Amino acid sequence: MRRKTRRRKTRRPRRRRCPMQAVPNPTDQQLQRFASASQKVAGVVDEYRPKVEAAKTDDAKQKIVQEADAKMVKLVRADGLSVEEFNGISRAVEQNPQLKQRVIDLSRRGAAPR
């Protein structure tokens, strides 16, 4: 009987994990962190886009993109989110107009002088 159990385990299909699963109900804290991180990520995109466009070779472009990706990951983590959480919240915000508005409101509050 043990042999059958072992065989079944090796025959089971692997579960595919979707890299962009939405976070269905992000907390206010997660949304605040997302709002902050997304503003910083947008800044990195704006900073690196001209560098990528100006690169002469595909290798140079790839190196610049990797540098930008590393910088974005660092910024997201510094705001207290994993990349998976950030991407999941991003997906949820794209799918839910009310959630999108909450993020916009949080972004505006975060940009206001303190």
PDB file of N, CA and C in Angstrom:
ATOM      1  N   MET A   1       0.818  -1.189   0.000  1.00  0.00           N
ATOM      2  CA  MET A   1       0.000   0.000   0.000  1.00  0.00           C
ATOM      3  C   MET A   1       0.868   1.261   0.000  1.00  0.00           C
ATOM      4  N   ARG A   2       1.967   1.225   0.672  1.00  0.00           N
ATOM      5  CA  ARG A   2       2.848   2.386   0.671  1.00  0.00           C
ATOM      6  C   ARG A   2       3.379   2.667  -0.724  1.00  0.00           C
ATOM      7  N   ARG A   3       3.658   1.634  -1.455  1.00  0.00           N
ATOM      8  CA  ARG A   3       4.178   1.832  -2.812  1.00  0.00           C
ATOM      9  C   ARG A   3       3.170   2.576  -3.681  1.00  0.00           C
ATOM     10  N   LYS A   4       1.916   2.245  -3.569  1.00  0.00           N
ATOM     11  CA  LYS A   4       0.893   2.927  -4.353  1.00  0.00           C
ATOM     12  C   LYS A   4       0.830   4.417  -3.992  1.00  0.00           C
ATOM     13  N   THR A   5       0.947   4.703  -2.711  1.00  0.00           N
ATOM     14  CA  THR A   5       0.930   6.094  -2.279  1.00  0.00           C
ATOM     15  C   THR A   5       2.101   6.852  -2.896  1.00  0.00           C
ATOM     16  N   ARG A   6       3.261   6.247  -2.877  1.00  0.00           N
ATOM     17  CA  ARG A   6       4.425   6.901  -3.456  1.00  0.00           C
ATOM     18  C   ARG A   6       4.244   7.128  -4.953  1.00  0.00           C
ATOM     19  N   ARG A   7       3.712   6.148  -5.631  1.00  0.00           N
ATOM     20  CA  ARG A   7       3.508   6.291  -7.077  1.00  0.00           C
ATOM     21  C   ARG A   7       2.525   7.409  -7.387  1.00  0.00           C
ATOM     22  N   ARG A   8       1.484   7.487  -6.607  1.00  0.00           N
ATOM     23  CA  ARG A   8       0.495   8.541  -6.832  1.00  0.00           C
ATOM     24  C   ARG A   8       1.114   9.924  -6.667  1.00  0.00           C
ATOM     25  N   LYS A   9       1.957  10.066  -5.686  1.00  0.00           N
ATOM     26  CA  LYS A   9       2.576  11.363  -5.460  1.00  0.00           C
ATOM     27  C   LYS A   9       3.442  11.779  -6.639  1.00  0.00           C
ATOM     28  N   THR A  10       4.140  10.843  -7.216  1.00  0.00           N
ATOM     29  CA  THR A  10       5.013  11.202  -8.333  1.00  0.00           C
ATOM     30  C   THR A  10       4.238  11.424  -9.621  1.00  0.00           C
ATOM     31  N   ARG A  11       3.026  10.898  -9.691  1.00  0.00           N
ATOM     32  CA  ARG A  11       2.230  11.028 -10.917  1.00  0.00           C
ATOM     33  C   ARG A  11       1.312  12.236 -10.916  1.00  0.00           C
ATOM     34  N   ARG A  12       1.122  12.857  -9.761  1.00  0.00           N
ATOM     35  CA  ARG A  12       0.214  14.001  -9.707  1.00  0.00           C
ATOM     36  C   ARG A  12       0.737  15.143 -10.566  1.00  0.00           C
ATOM     37  N   PRO A  13      -0.165  15.790 -11.293  1.00  0.00           N
ATOM     38  CA  PRO A  13       0.289  16.935 -12.091  1.00  0.00           C
ATOM     39  C   PRO A  13       0.689  18.089 -11.184  1.00  0.00           C
ATOM     40  N   ARG A  14       1.644  18.832 -11.636  1.00  0.00           N
ATOM     41  CA  ARG A  14       2.080  19.993 -10.874  1.00  0.00           C
ATOM     42  C   ARG A  14       1.041  21.094 -11.012  1.00  0.00           C
ATOM     43  N   ARG A  15       0.850  21.791  -9.941  1.00  0.00           N
ATOM     44  CA  ARG A  15      -0.071  22.931  -9.977  1.00  0.00           C
ATOM     45  C   ARG A  15       0.647  24.112 -10.581  1.00  0.00           C
ATOM     46  N   ARG A  16      -0.024  24.729 -11.495  1.00  0.00           N
ATOM     47  CA  ARG A  16       0.542  25.947 -12.072  1.00  0.00           C
ATOM     48  C   ARG A  16       0.100  27.113 -11.230  1.00  0.00           C
ATOM     49  N   ARG A  17       1.032  27.961 -10.939  1.00  0.00           N
ATOM     50  CA  ARG A  17       0.725  29.133 -10.141  1.00  0.00           C
ATOM     51  C   ARG A  17       0.716  30.343 -11.046  1.00  0.00           C
ATOM     52  N   CYS A  18      -0.402  31.025 -11.066  1.00  0.00           N
ATOM     53  CA  CYS A  18      -0.537  32.217 -11.889  1.00  0.00           C
ATOM     54  C   CYS A  18       0.265  33.346 -11.251  1.00  0.00           C
ATOM     55  N   PRO A  19       1.187  33.951 -11.981  1.00  0.00           N
ATOM     56  CA  PRO A  19       2.014  34.986 -11.385  1.00  0.00           C
ATOM     57  C   PRO A  19       1.256  36.277 -11.083  1.00  0.00           C
ATOM     58  N   MET A  20       0.077  36.436 -11.648  1.00  0.00           N
ATOM     59  CA  MET A  20      -0.658  37.678 -11.452  1.00  0.00           C
ATOM     60  C   MET A  20      -2.046  37.429 -10.880  1.00  0.00           C
ATOM     61  N   GLN A  21      -2.158  36.627  -9.830  1.00  0.00           N
ATOM     62  CA  GLN A  21      -3.459  36.417  -9.218  1.00  0.00           C
ATOM     63  C   GLN A  21      -3.845  37.664  -8.446  1.00  0.00           C
ATOM     64  N   ALA A  22      -5.088  38.087  -8.612  1.00  0.00           N
ATOM     65  CA  ALA A  22      -5.567  39.278  -7.930  1.00  0.00           C
ATOM     66  C   ALA A  22      -5.675  39.017  -6.428  1.00  0.00           C
ATOM     67  N   VAL A  23      -5.407  40.043  -5.642  1.00  0.00           N
ATOM     68  CA  VAL A  23      -5.650  40.002  -4.206  1.00  0.00           C
ATOM     69  C   VAL A  23      -7.085  40.502  -4.041  1.00  0.00           C
ATOM     70  N   PRO A  24      -8.022  39.598  -3.710  1.00  0.00           N
ATOM     71  CA  PRO A  24      -9.439  39.958  -3.775  1.00  0.00           C
ATOM     72  C   PRO A  24      -9.854  41.110  -2.866  1.00  0.00           C
ATOM     73  N   ASN A  25      -9.368  41.140  -1.654  1.00  0.00           N
ATOM     74  CA  ASN A  25      -9.771  42.183  -0.697  1.00  0.00           C
ATOM     75  C   ASN A  25      -8.551  42.737   0.032  1.00  0.00           C
ATOM     76  N   PRO A  26      -7.762  43.553  -0.645  1.00  0.00           N
ATOM     77  CA  PRO A  26      -6.585  44.099   0.042  1.00  0.00           C
ATOM     78  C   PRO A  26      -6.992  45.010   1.185  1.00  0.00           C
ATOM     79  N   THR A  27      -6.207  44.978   2.234  1.00  0.00           N
ATOM     80  CA  THR A  27      -6.482  45.834   3.395  1.00  0.00           C
ATOM     81  C   THR A  27      -6.108  47.277   3.054  1.00  0.00           C
ATOM     82  N   ASP A  28      -6.558  48.200   3.900  1.00  0.00           N
ATOM     83  CA  ASP A  28      -6.196  49.606   3.706  1.00  0.00           C
ATOM     84  C   ASP A  28      -4.680  49.780   3.778  1.00  0.00           C
ATOM     85  N   GLN A  29      -4.050  49.049   4.667  1.00  0.00           N
ATOM     86  CA  GLN A  29      -2.598  49.136   4.799  1.00  0.00           C
ATOM     87  C   GLN A  29      -1.911  48.645   3.523  1.00  0.00           C
ATOM     88  N   GLN A  30      -2.391  47.536   2.970  1.00  0.00           N
ATOM     89  CA  GLN A  30      -1.827  47.038   1.711  1.00  0.00           C
ATOM     90  C   GLN A  30      -2.039  48.045   0.586  1.00  0.00           C
ATOM     91  N   LEU A  31      -3.216  48.650   0.543  1.00  0.00           N
ATOM     92  CA  LEU A  31      -3.493  49.637  -0.504  1.00  0.00           C
ATOM     93  C   LEU A  31      -2.610  50.871  -0.352  1.00  0.00           C
ATOM     94  N   GLN A  32      -2.379  51.293   0.887  1.00  0.00           N
ATOM     95  CA  GLN A  32      -1.499  52.443   1.130  1.00  0.00           C
ATOM     96  C   GLN A  32      -0.082  52.119   0.662  1.00  0.00           C
ATOM     97  N   ARG A  33       0.377  50.941   1.005  1.00  0.00           N
ATOM     98  CA  ARG A  33       1.721  50.510   0.580  1.00  0.00           C
ATOM     99  C   ARG A  33       1.795  50.393  -0.938  1.00  0.00           C
ATOM    100  N   PHE A  34       0.731  49.860  -1.527  1.00  0.00           N
ATOM    101  CA  PHE A  34       0.684  49.732  -2.983  1.00  0.00           C
ATOM    102  C   PHE A  34       0.712  51.105  -3.646  1.00  0.00           C
ATOM    103  N   ALA A  35      -0.073  52.040  -3.119  1.00  0.00           N
ATOM    104  CA  ALA A  35      -0.122  53.385  -3.691  1.00  0.00           C
ATOM    105  C   ALA A  35       1.267  54.023  -3.664  1.00  0.00           C
ATOM    106  N   SER A  36       1.943  53.887  -2.546  1.00  0.00           N
ATOM    107  CA  SER A  36       3.286  54.447  -2.414  1.00  0.00           C
ATOM    108  C   SER A  36       4.265  53.770  -3.376  1.00  0.00           C
ATOM    109  N   ALA A  37       4.252  52.448  -3.380  1.00  0.00           N
ATOM    110  CA  ALA A  37       5.179  51.696  -4.238  1.00  0.00           C
ATOM    111  C   ALA A  37       4.892  51.928  -5.714  1.00  0.00           C
ATOM    112  N   SER A  38       3.621  52.019  -6.085  1.00  0.00           N
ATOM    113  CA  SER A  38       3.302  52.179  -7.503  1.00  0.00           C
ATOM    114  C   SER A  38       3.768  53.539  -8.026  1.00  0.00           C
ATOM    115  N   GLN A  39       3.726  54.564  -7.183  1.00  0.00           N
ATOM    116  CA  GLN A  39       4.250  55.866  -7.589  1.00  0.00           C
ATOM    117  C   GLN A  39       5.757  55.783  -7.829  1.00  0.00           C
ATOM    118  N   LYS A  40       6.450  55.076  -6.958  1.00  0.00           N
ATOM    119  CA  LYS A  40       7.900  54.921  -7.102  1.00  0.00           C
ATOM    120  C   LYS A  40       8.248  54.077  -8.328  1.00  0.00           C
ATOM    121  N   VAL A  41       7.481  53.018  -8.552  1.00  0.00           N
ATOM    122  CA  VAL A  41       7.703  52.162  -9.722  1.00  0.00           C
ATOM    123  C   VAL A  41       7.484  52.956 -11.004  1.00  0.00           C
ATOM    124  N   ALA A  42       6.455  53.792 -11.026  1.00  0.00           N
ATOM    125  CA  ALA A  42       6.197  54.622 -12.204  1.00  0.00           C
ATOM    126  C   ALA A  42       7.376  55.562 -12.467  1.00  0.00           C
ATOM    127  N   GLY A  43       7.980  56.057 -11.409  1.00  0.00           N
ATOM    128  CA  GLY A  43       9.152  56.911 -11.563  1.00  0.00           C
ATOM    129  C   GLY A  43      10.328  56.163 -12.176  1.00  0.00           C
ATOM    130  N   VAL A  44      10.503  54.908 -11.783  1.00  0.00           N
ATOM    131  CA  VAL A  44      11.579  54.092 -12.351  1.00  0.00           C
ATOM    132  C   VAL A  44      11.314  53.842 -13.830  1.00  0.00           C
ATOM    133  N   VAL A  45      10.072  53.548 -14.171  1.00  0.00           N
ATOM    134  CA  VAL A  45       9.702  53.329 -15.575  1.00  0.00           C
ATOM    135  C   VAL A  45      10.019  54.583 -16.390  1.00  0.00           C
ATOM    136  N   ASP A  46       9.631  55.731 -15.866  1.00  0.00           N
ATOM    137  CA  ASP A  46       9.903  56.990 -16.567  1.00  0.00           C
ATOM    138  C   ASP A  46      11.402  57.245 -16.707  1.00  0.00           C
ATOM    139  N   GLU A  47      12.150  56.879 -15.686  1.00  0.00           N
ATOM    140  CA  GLU A  47      13.603  57.081 -15.702  1.00  0.00           C
ATOM    141  C   GLU A  47      14.298  56.162 -16.705  1.00  0.00           C
ATOM    142  N   TYR A  48      13.858  54.915 -16.768  1.00  0.00           N
ATOM    143  CA  TYR A  48      14.573  53.927 -17.566  1.00  0.00           C
ATOM    144  C   TYR A  48      14.080  53.801 -19.005  1.00  0.00           C
ATOM    145  N   ARG A  49      12.873  54.238 -19.293  1.00  0.00           N
ATOM    146  CA  ARG A  49      12.346  54.112 -20.657  1.00  0.00           C
ATOM    147  C   ARG A  49      13.278  54.752 -21.694  1.00  0.00           C
ATOM    148  N   PRO A  50      13.730  55.998 -21.495  1.00  0.00           N
ATOM    149  CA  PRO A  50      14.634  56.588 -22.494  1.00  0.00           C
ATOM    150  C   PRO A  50      15.962  55.837 -22.614  1.00  0.00           C
ATOM    151  N   LYS A  51      16.425  55.277 -21.507  1.00  0.00           N
ATOM    152  CA  LYS A  51      17.680  54.516 -21.534  1.00  0.00           C
ATOM    153  C   LYS A  51      17.517  53.258 -22.386  1.00  0.00           C
ATOM    154  N   VAL A  52      16.390  52.583 -22.240  1.00  0.00           N
ATOM    155  CA  VAL A  52      16.125  51.382 -23.031  1.00  0.00           C
ATOM    156  C   VAL A  52      16.003  51.743 -24.503  1.00  0.00           C
ATOM    157  N   GLU A  53      15.273  52.811 -24.780  1.00  0.00           N
ATOM    158  CA  GLU A  53      15.083  53.232 -26.172  1.00  0.00           C
ATOM    159  C   GLU A  53      16.389  53.667 -26.829  1.00  0.00           C
ATOM    160  N   ALA A  54      17.310  54.201 -26.031  1.00  0.00           N
ATOM    161  CA  ALA A  54      18.584  54.674 -26.575  1.00  0.00           C
ATOM    162  C   ALA A  54      19.629  53.571 -26.702  1.00  0.00           C
ATOM    163  N   ALA A  55      19.381  52.435 -26.068  1.00  0.00           N
ATOM    164  CA  ALA A  55      20.361  51.335 -26.117  1.00  0.00           C
ATOM    165  C   ALA A  55      20.531  50.846 -27.555  1.00  0.00           C
ATOM    166  N   LYS A  56      21.774  50.570 -27.913  1.00  0.00           N
ATOM    167  CA  LYS A  56      22.087  50.203 -29.293  1.00  0.00           C
ATOM    168  C   LYS A  56      21.913  48.712 -29.592  1.00  0.00           C
ATOM    169  N   THR A  57      22.066  47.873 -28.577  1.00  0.00           N
ATOM    170  CA  THR A  57      21.969  46.426 -28.809  1.00  0.00           C
ATOM    171  C   THR A  57      20.914  45.819 -27.896  1.00  0.00           C
ATOM    172  N   ASP A  58      20.462  44.626 -28.267  1.00  0.00           N
ATOM    173  CA  ASP A  58      19.505  43.913 -27.425  1.00  0.00           C
ATOM    174  C   ASP A  58      20.112  43.573 -26.075  1.00  0.00           C
ATOM    175  N   ASP A  59      21.401  43.226 -26.069  1.00  0.00           N
ATOM    176  CA  ASP A  59      22.070  42.921 -24.798  1.00  0.00           C
ATOM    177  C   ASP A  59      22.087  44.139 -23.881  1.00  0.00           C
ATOM    178  N   ALA A  60      22.356  45.299 -24.456  1.00  0.00           N
ATOM    179  CA  ALA A  60      22.370  46.528 -23.667  1.00  0.00           C
ATOM    180  C   ALA A  60      20.977  46.821 -23.126  1.00  0.00           C
ATOM    181  N   LYS A  61      19.963  46.636 -23.968  1.00  0.00           N
ATOM    182  CA  LYS A  61      18.579  46.852 -23.529  1.00  0.00           C
ATOM    183  C   LYS A  61      18.228  45.911 -22.387  1.00  0.00           C
ATOM    184  N   GLN A  62      18.609  44.655 -22.546  1.00  0.00           N
ATOM    185  CA  GLN A  62      18.290  43.663 -21.524  1.00  0.00           C
ATOM    186  C   GLN A  62      18.961  44.017 -20.194  1.00  0.00           C
ATOM    187  N   LYS A  63      20.190  44.473 -20.252  1.00  0.00           N
ATOM    188  CA  LYS A  63      20.907  44.844 -19.034  1.00  0.00           C
ATOM    189  C   LYS A  63      20.209  46.019 -18.339  1.00  0.00           C
ATOM    190  N   ILE A  64      19.764  46.993 -19.107  1.00  0.00           N
ATOM    191  CA  ILE A  64      19.071  48.153 -18.549  1.00  0.00           C
ATOM    192  C   ILE A  64      17.736  47.731 -17.936  1.00  0.00           C
ATOM    193  N   VAL A  65      17.012  46.862 -18.619  1.00  0.00           N
ATOM    194  CA  VAL A  65      15.725  46.375 -18.107  1.00  0.00           C
ATOM    195  C   VAL A  65      15.932  45.606 -16.802  1.00  0.00           C
ATOM    196  N   GLN A  66      16.972  44.783 -16.751  1.00  0.00           N
ATOM    197  CA  GLN A  66      17.252  44.034 -15.523  1.00  0.00           C
ATOM    198  C   GLN A  66      17.589  44.972 -14.369  1.00  0.00           C
ATOM    199  N   GLU A  67      18.335  46.019 -14.667  1.00  0.00           N
ATOM    200  CA  GLU A  67      18.675  47.015 -13.650  1.00  0.00           C
ATOM    201  C   GLU A  67      17.409  47.707 -13.140  1.00  0.00           C
ATOM    202  N   ALA A  68      16.531  48.080 -14.061  1.00  0.00           N
ATOM    203  CA  ALA A  68      15.271  48.728 -13.684  1.00  0.00           C
ATOM    204  C   ALA A  68      14.400  47.772 -12.866  1.00  0.00           C
ATOM    205  N   ASP A  69      14.326  46.519 -13.294  1.00  0.00           N
ATOM    206  CA  ASP A  69      13.529  45.528 -12.557  1.00  0.00           C
ATOM    207  C   ASP A  69      14.035  45.381 -11.122  1.00  0.00           C
ATOM    208  N   ALA A  70      15.344  45.290 -10.967  1.00  0.00           N
ATOM    209  CA  ALA A  70      15.929  45.137  -9.631  1.00  0.00           C
ATOM    210  C   ALA A  70      15.601  46.347  -8.763  1.00  0.00           C
ATOM    211  N   LYS A  71      15.651  47.518  -9.350  1.00  0.00           N
ATOM    212  CA  LYS A  71      15.344  48.740  -8.618  1.00  0.00           C
ATOM    213  C   LYS A  71      13.868  48.757  -8.197  1.00  0.00           C
ATOM    214  N   MET A  72      12.987  48.336  -9.106  1.00  0.00           N
ATOM    215  CA  MET A  72      11.560  48.309  -8.785  1.00  0.00           C
ATOM    216  C   MET A  72      11.256  47.298  -7.684  1.00  0.00           C
ATOM    217  N   VAL A  73      11.878  46.134  -7.746  1.00  0.00           N
ATOM    218  CA  VAL A  73      11.678  45.113  -6.716  1.00  0.00           C
ATOM    219  C   VAL A  73      12.116  45.657  -5.361  1.00  0.00           C
ATOM    220  N   LYS A  74      13.250  46.315  -5.335  1.00  0.00           N
ATOM    221  CA  LYS A  74      13.764  46.887  -4.088  1.00  0.00           C
ATOM    222  C   LYS A  74      12.792  47.923  -3.518  1.00  0.00           C
ATOM    223  N   LEU A  75      12.243  48.762  -4.382  1.00  0.00           N
ATOM    224  CA  LEU A  75      11.300  49.791  -3.932  1.00  0.00           C
ATOM    225  C   LEU A  75      10.002  49.184  -3.402  1.00  0.00           C
ATOM    226  N   VAL A  76       9.495  48.173  -4.095  1.00  0.00           N
ATOM    227  CA  VAL A  76       8.258  47.505  -3.658  1.00  0.00           C
ATOM    228  C   VAL A  76       8.479  46.869  -2.289  1.00  0.00           C
ATOM    229  N   ARG A  77       9.598  46.169  -2.136  1.00  0.00           N
ATOM    230  CA  ARG A  77       9.888  45.518  -0.848  1.00  0.00           C
ATOM    231  C   ARG A  77      10.114  46.542   0.257  1.00  0.00           C
ATOM    232  N   ALA A  78      10.721  47.670  -0.082  1.00  0.00           N
ATOM    233  CA  ALA A  78      10.952  48.722   0.918  1.00  0.00           C
ATOM    234  C   ALA A  78       9.632  49.286   1.441  1.00  0.00           C
ATOM    235  N   ASP A  79       8.595  49.217   0.629  1.00  0.00           N
ATOM    236  CA  ASP A  79       7.269  49.669   1.064  1.00  0.00           C
ATOM    237  C   ASP A  79       6.485  48.567   1.775  1.00  0.00           C
ATOM    238  N   GLY A  80       7.125  47.435   2.015  1.00  0.00           N
ATOM    239  CA  GLY A  80       6.505  46.392   2.826  1.00  0.00           C
ATOM    240  C   GLY A  80       5.634  45.399   2.084  1.00  0.00           C
ATOM    241  N   LEU A  81       5.807  45.315   0.768  1.00  0.00           N
ATOM    242  CA  LEU A  81       5.047  44.340  -0.028  1.00  0.00           C
ATOM    243  C   LEU A  81       6.008  43.389  -0.722  1.00  0.00           C
ATOM    244  N   SER A  82       5.544  42.177  -0.943  1.00  0.00           N
ATOM    245  CA  SER A  82       6.286  41.279  -1.817  1.00  0.00           C
ATOM    246  C   SER A  82       5.913  41.634  -3.253  1.00  0.00           C
ATOM    247  N   VAL A  83       6.712  41.199  -4.181  1.00  0.00           N
ATOM    248  CA  VAL A  83       6.398  41.446  -5.590  1.00  0.00           C
ATOM    249  C   VAL A  83       5.070  40.787  -5.946  1.00  0.00           C
ATOM    250  N   GLU A  84       4.819  39.605  -5.402  1.00  0.00           N
ATOM    251  CA  GLU A  84       3.575  38.890  -5.678  1.00  0.00           C
ATOM    252  C   GLU A  84       2.373  39.671  -5.149  1.00  0.00           C
ATOM    253  N   GLU A  85       2.509  40.222  -3.932  1.00  0.00           N
ATOM    254  CA  GLU A  85       1.417  41.036  -3.380  1.00  0.00           C
ATOM    255  C   GLU A  85       1.187  42.274  -4.239  1.00  0.00           C
ATOM    256  N   PHE A  86       2.272  42.946  -4.606  1.00  0.00           N
ATOM    257  CA  PHE A  86       2.170  44.145  -5.432  1.00  0.00           C
ATOM    258  C   PHE A  86       1.449  43.830  -6.740  1.00  0.00           C
ATOM    259  N   ASN A  87       1.884  42.768  -7.406  1.00  0.00           N
ATOM    260  CA  ASN A  87       1.266  42.390  -8.682  1.00  0.00           C
ATOM    261  C   ASN A  87      -0.186  41.971  -8.495  1.00  0.00           C
ATOM    262  N   GLY A  88      -0.484  41.267  -7.409  1.00  0.00           N
ATOM    263  CA  GLY A  88      -1.851  40.844  -7.142  1.00  0.00           C
ATOM    264  C   GLY A  88      -2.770  42.018  -6.860  1.00  0.00           C
ATOM    265  N   ILE A  89      -2.279  42.991  -6.108  1.00  0.00           N
ATOM    266  CA  ILE A  89      -3.077  44.188  -5.838  1.00  0.00           C
ATOM    267  C   ILE A  89      -3.267  44.977  -7.124  1.00  0.00           C
ATOM    268  N   SER A  90      -2.219  45.048  -7.928  1.00  0.00           N
ATOM    269  CA  SER A  90      -2.317  45.740  -9.220  1.00  0.00           C
ATOM    270  C   SER A  90      -3.413  45.122 -10.076  1.00  0.00           C
ATOM    271  N   ARG A  91      -3.440  43.818 -10.110  1.00  0.00           N
ATOM    272  CA  ARG A  91      -4.465  43.100 -10.886  1.00  0.00           C
ATOM    273  C   ARG A  91      -5.863  43.401 -10.345  1.00  0.00           C
ATOM    274  N   ALA A  92      -6.000  43.378  -9.016  1.00  0.00           N
ATOM    275  CA  ALA A  92      -7.301  43.659  -8.401  1.00  0.00           C
ATOM    276  C   ALA A  92      -7.751  45.085  -8.702  1.00  0.00           C
ATOM    277  N   VAL A  93      -6.816  46.018  -8.661  1.00  0.00           N
ATOM    278  CA  VAL A  93      -7.132  47.424  -8.930  1.00  0.00           C
ATOM    279  C   VAL A  93      -7.584  47.595 -10.387  1.00  0.00           C
ATOM    280  N   GLU A  94      -6.950  46.884 -11.294  1.00  0.00           N
ATOM    281  CA  GLU A  94      -7.346  46.950 -12.708  1.00  0.00           C
ATOM    282  C   GLU A  94      -8.763  46.424 -12.917  1.00  0.00           C
ATOM    283  N   GLN A  95      -9.160  45.455 -12.115  1.00  0.00           N
ATOM    284  CA  GLN A  95     -10.452  44.801 -12.291  1.00  0.00           C
ATOM    285  C   GLN A  95     -11.592  45.464 -11.516  1.00  0.00           C
ATOM    286  N   ASN A  96     -11.251  46.316 -10.551  1.00  0.00           N
ATOM    287  CA  ASN A  96     -12.266  46.857  -9.661  1.00  0.00           C
ATOM    288  C   ASN A  96     -12.172  48.387  -9.618  1.00  0.00           C
ATOM    289  N   PRO A  97     -13.101  49.093 -10.275  1.00  0.00           N
ATOM    290  CA  PRO A  97     -13.052  50.561 -10.307  1.00  0.00           C
ATOM    291  C   PRO A  97     -13.102  51.218  -8.923  1.00  0.00           C
ATOM    292  N   GLN A  98     -13.832  50.626  -7.983  1.00  0.00           N
ATOM    293  CA  GLN A  98     -13.903  51.196  -6.633  1.00  0.00           C
ATOM    294  C   GLN A  98     -12.556  51.095  -5.925  1.00  0.00           C
ATOM    295  N   LEU A  99     -11.903  49.970  -6.116  1.00  0.00           N
ATOM    296  CA  LEU A  99     -10.577  49.774  -5.534  1.00  0.00           C
ATOM    297  C   LEU A  99      -9.583  50.741  -6.165  1.00  0.00           C
ATOM    298  N   LYS A 100      -9.704  50.930  -7.458  1.00  0.00           N
ATOM    299  CA  LYS A 100      -8.837  51.874  -8.166  1.00  0.00           C
ATOM    300  C   LYS A 100      -9.007  53.281  -7.597  1.00  0.00           C
ATOM    301  N   GLN A 101     -10.240  53.671  -7.336  1.00  0.00           N
ATOM    302  CA  GLN A 101     -10.496  54.997  -6.778  1.00  0.00           C
ATOM    303  C   GLN A 101      -9.891  55.123  -5.386  1.00  0.00           C
ATOM    304  N   ARG A 102      -9.971  54.067  -4.582  1.00  0.00           N
ATOM    305  CA  ARG A 102      -9.368  54.107  -3.241  1.00  0.00           C
ATOM    306  C   ARG A 102      -7.862  54.324  -3.340  1.00  0.00           C
ATOM    307  N   VAL A 103      -7.230  53.661  -4.292  1.00  0.00           N
ATOM    308  CA  VAL A 103      -5.783  53.828  -4.469  1.00  0.00           C
ATOM    309  C   VAL A 103      -5.464  55.253  -4.914  1.00  0.00           C
ATOM    310  N   ILE A 104      -6.255  55.792  -5.814  1.00  0.00           N
ATOM    311  CA  ILE A 104      -6.050  57.179  -6.264  1.00  0.00           C
ATOM    312  C   ILE A 104      -6.183  58.137  -5.079  1.00  0.00           C
ATOM    313  N   ASP A 105      -7.205  57.924  -4.264  1.00  0.00           N
ATOM    314  CA  ASP A 105      -7.403  58.776  -3.090  1.00  0.00           C
ATOM    315  C   ASP A 105      -6.229  58.666  -2.115  1.00  0.00           C
ATOM    316  N   LEU A 106      -5.754  57.453  -1.894  1.00  0.00           N
ATOM    317  CA  LEU A 106      -4.612  57.251  -1.007  1.00  0.00           C
ATOM    318  C   LEU A 106      -3.357  57.903  -1.574  1.00  0.00           C
ATOM    319  N   SER A 107      -3.194  57.835  -2.879  1.00  0.00           N
ATOM    320  CA  SER A 107      -2.034  58.454  -3.527  1.00  0.00           C
ATOM    321  C   SER A 107      -2.070  59.968  -3.347  1.00  0.00           C
ATOM    322  N   ARG A 108      -3.222  60.533  -3.486  1.00  0.00           N
ATOM    323  CA  ARG A 108      -3.362  61.993  -3.320  1.00  0.00           C
ATOM    324  C   ARG A 108      -3.070  62.411  -1.891  1.00  0.00           C
ATOM    325  N   ARG A 109      -3.568  61.623  -0.935  1.00  0.00           N
ATOM    326  CA  ARG A 109      -3.301  61.939   0.471  1.00  0.00           C
ATOM    327  C   ARG A 109      -1.826  61.812   0.797  1.00  0.00           C
ATOM    328  N   GLY A 110      -1.196  60.804   0.194  1.00  0.00           N
ATOM    329  CA  GLY A 110       0.233  60.585   0.431  1.00  0.00           C
ATOM    330  C   GLY A 110       1.092  61.679  -0.183  1.00  0.00           C
ATOM    331  N   ALA A 111       0.591  62.303  -1.241  1.00  0.00           N
ATOM    332  CA  ALA A 111       1.346  63.365  -1.925  1.00  0.00           C
ATOM    333  C   ALA A 111       1.147  64.720  -1.258  1.00  0.00           C
ATOM    334  N   ALA A 112       0.133  64.835  -0.406  1.00  0.00           N
ATOM    335  CA  ALA A 112      -0.151  66.119   0.238  1.00  0.00           C
ATOM    336  C   ALA A 112       0.938  66.448   1.270  1.00  0.00           C
ATOM    337  N   PRO A 113       1.237  67.717   1.450  1.00  0.00           N
ATOM    338  CA  PRO A 113       2.223  68.104   2.463  1.00  0.00           C
ATOM    339  C   PRO A 113       1.771  67.682   3.839  1.00  0.00           C
ATOM    340  N   ARG A 114       2.719  67.263   4.674  1.00  0.00           N
ATOM    341  CA  ARG A 114       2.372  66.785   6.019  1.00  0.00           C
ATOM    342  C   ARG A 114       2.792  67.744   7.079  1.00  0.00           C
TER     343      ARG A 114
END
